[in-house]
Amino acid sequence: MARIPMIQDGDPAAPPGAREFLQRIKGATGEEPFNSLRLLANHPERGSALISLARVARDESGPSRTLKELAWSTASALNECHY
């Protein structure tokens, strides 16, 4: 059993901020939020800040997106990470 509850966007008992956070994620990606985002929904302000930071790190800094993808793929292959 998880120690941190995973918020479901359709759960009427979930706090409104958590449901809004998951709806924004779903609207931005067009897919159901994955479990780590459901955990972040417990603190939507912090979750939004973390997602913003990840977007800046991924899209607006350092080498090109192609080189970043190559680096991530290489690191995953070397570490035998298939997830």
Protein backbone atom coordinates (compact mmCIF):
# COMPACT_ATOMS: atom_id res chain seq x y z
CA MET A 1 0.00 0.00 0.00
CA ALA A 2 1.30 3.44 -0.93
CA ARG A 3 2.17 5.83 1.86
CA ILE A 4 1.33 8.84 -0.28
CA PRO A 5 -2.12 8.64 -1.85
CA MET A 6 -2.39 8.75 -5.62
CA ILE A 7 -5.07 11.31 -6.45
CA GLN A 8 -7.57 10.32 -9.14
CA ASP A 9 -8.91 13.24 -11.17
CA GLY A 10 -12.47 11.89 -11.07
CA ASP A 11 -12.47 11.35 -7.30
CA PRO A 12 -15.05 13.71 -5.72
CA ALA A 13 -13.23 13.44 -2.36
CA ALA A 14 -10.01 14.81 -3.87
CA PRO A 15 -9.22 18.45 -3.11
CA PRO A 16 -10.27 20.83 -5.91
CA GLY A 17 -6.68 22.04 -6.43
CA ALA A 18 -5.50 18.47 -6.93
CA ARG A 19 -8.23 17.73 -9.49
CA GLU A 20 -7.43 20.97 -11.36
CA PHE A 21 -3.73 20.07 -11.41
CA LEU A 22 -4.47 16.66 -12.95
CA GLN A 23 -6.88 18.18 -15.47
CA ARG A 24 -4.19 20.68 -16.57
CA ILE A 25 -1.73 17.81 -17.03
CA LYS A 26 -4.27 15.79 -18.97
CA GLY A 27 -5.12 18.80 -21.14
CA ALA A 28 -1.46 19.54 -21.85
CA THR A 29 -0.49 15.98 -22.76
CA GLY A 30 -3.78 14.57 -24.00
CA GLU A 31 -3.11 11.45 -21.92
CA GLU A 32 -3.92 10.21 -18.45
CA PRO A 33 -1.41 11.48 -15.88
CA PHE A 34 1.09 8.83 -14.84
CA ASN A 35 1.44 7.79 -11.21
CA SER A 36 4.22 10.16 -10.17
CA LEU A 37 2.04 13.09 -11.29
CA ARG A 38 -0.84 11.67 -9.28
CA LEU A 39 1.48 11.78 -6.25
CA LEU A 40 2.44 15.39 -7.02
CA ALA A 41 -1.25 16.29 -7.07
CA ASN A 42 -1.16 16.10 -3.26
CA HIS A 43 0.69 19.44 -3.42
CA PRO A 44 -0.39 21.05 -6.72
CA GLU A 45 1.61 24.27 -6.24
CA ARG A 46 4.83 22.34 -5.74
CA GLY A 47 3.94 19.94 -8.54
CA SER A 48 3.41 22.85 -10.94
CA ALA A 49 6.74 24.37 -9.91
CA LEU A 50 8.55 21.06 -10.48
CA ILE A 51 6.98 20.62 -13.90
CA SER A 52 7.96 24.19 -14.85
CA LEU A 53 11.54 23.52 -13.75
CA ALA A 54 11.65 20.29 -15.76
CA ARG A 55 10.37 22.06 -18.87
CA VAL A 56 13.02 24.77 -18.60
CA ALA A 57 15.77 22.19 -18.05
CA ARG A 58 14.50 20.07 -20.94
CA ASP A 59 13.60 22.70 -23.51
CA GLU A 60 15.33 25.98 -22.77
CA SER A 61 18.85 25.19 -21.62
CA GLY A 62 22.07 23.57 -22.73
CA PRO A 63 22.48 21.52 -25.88
CA SER A 64 19.83 20.92 -28.51
CA ARG A 65 16.92 18.59 -27.84
CA THR A 66 18.42 16.03 -30.22
CA LEU A 67 21.68 15.88 -28.26
CA LYS A 68 19.78 15.64 -24.97
CA GLU A 69 17.73 12.71 -26.26
CA LEU A 70 20.92 11.03 -27.45
CA ALA A 71 22.53 11.52 -24.03
CA TRP A 72 19.48 10.16 -22.20
CA SER A 73 19.26 7.14 -24.51
CA THR A 74 22.98 6.44 -24.16
CA ALA A 75 22.85 6.70 -20.36
CA SER A 76 19.82 4.40 -20.25
CA ALA A 77 21.49 1.81 -22.49
CA LEU A 78 24.75 1.89 -20.51
CA ASN A 79 22.85 1.47 -17.24
CA GLU A 80 20.64 -1.26 -18.72
CA CYS A 81 17.56 0.80 -17.87
CA HIS A 82 14.69 -0.29 -20.08
CA TYR A 83 11.93 1.80 -18.53
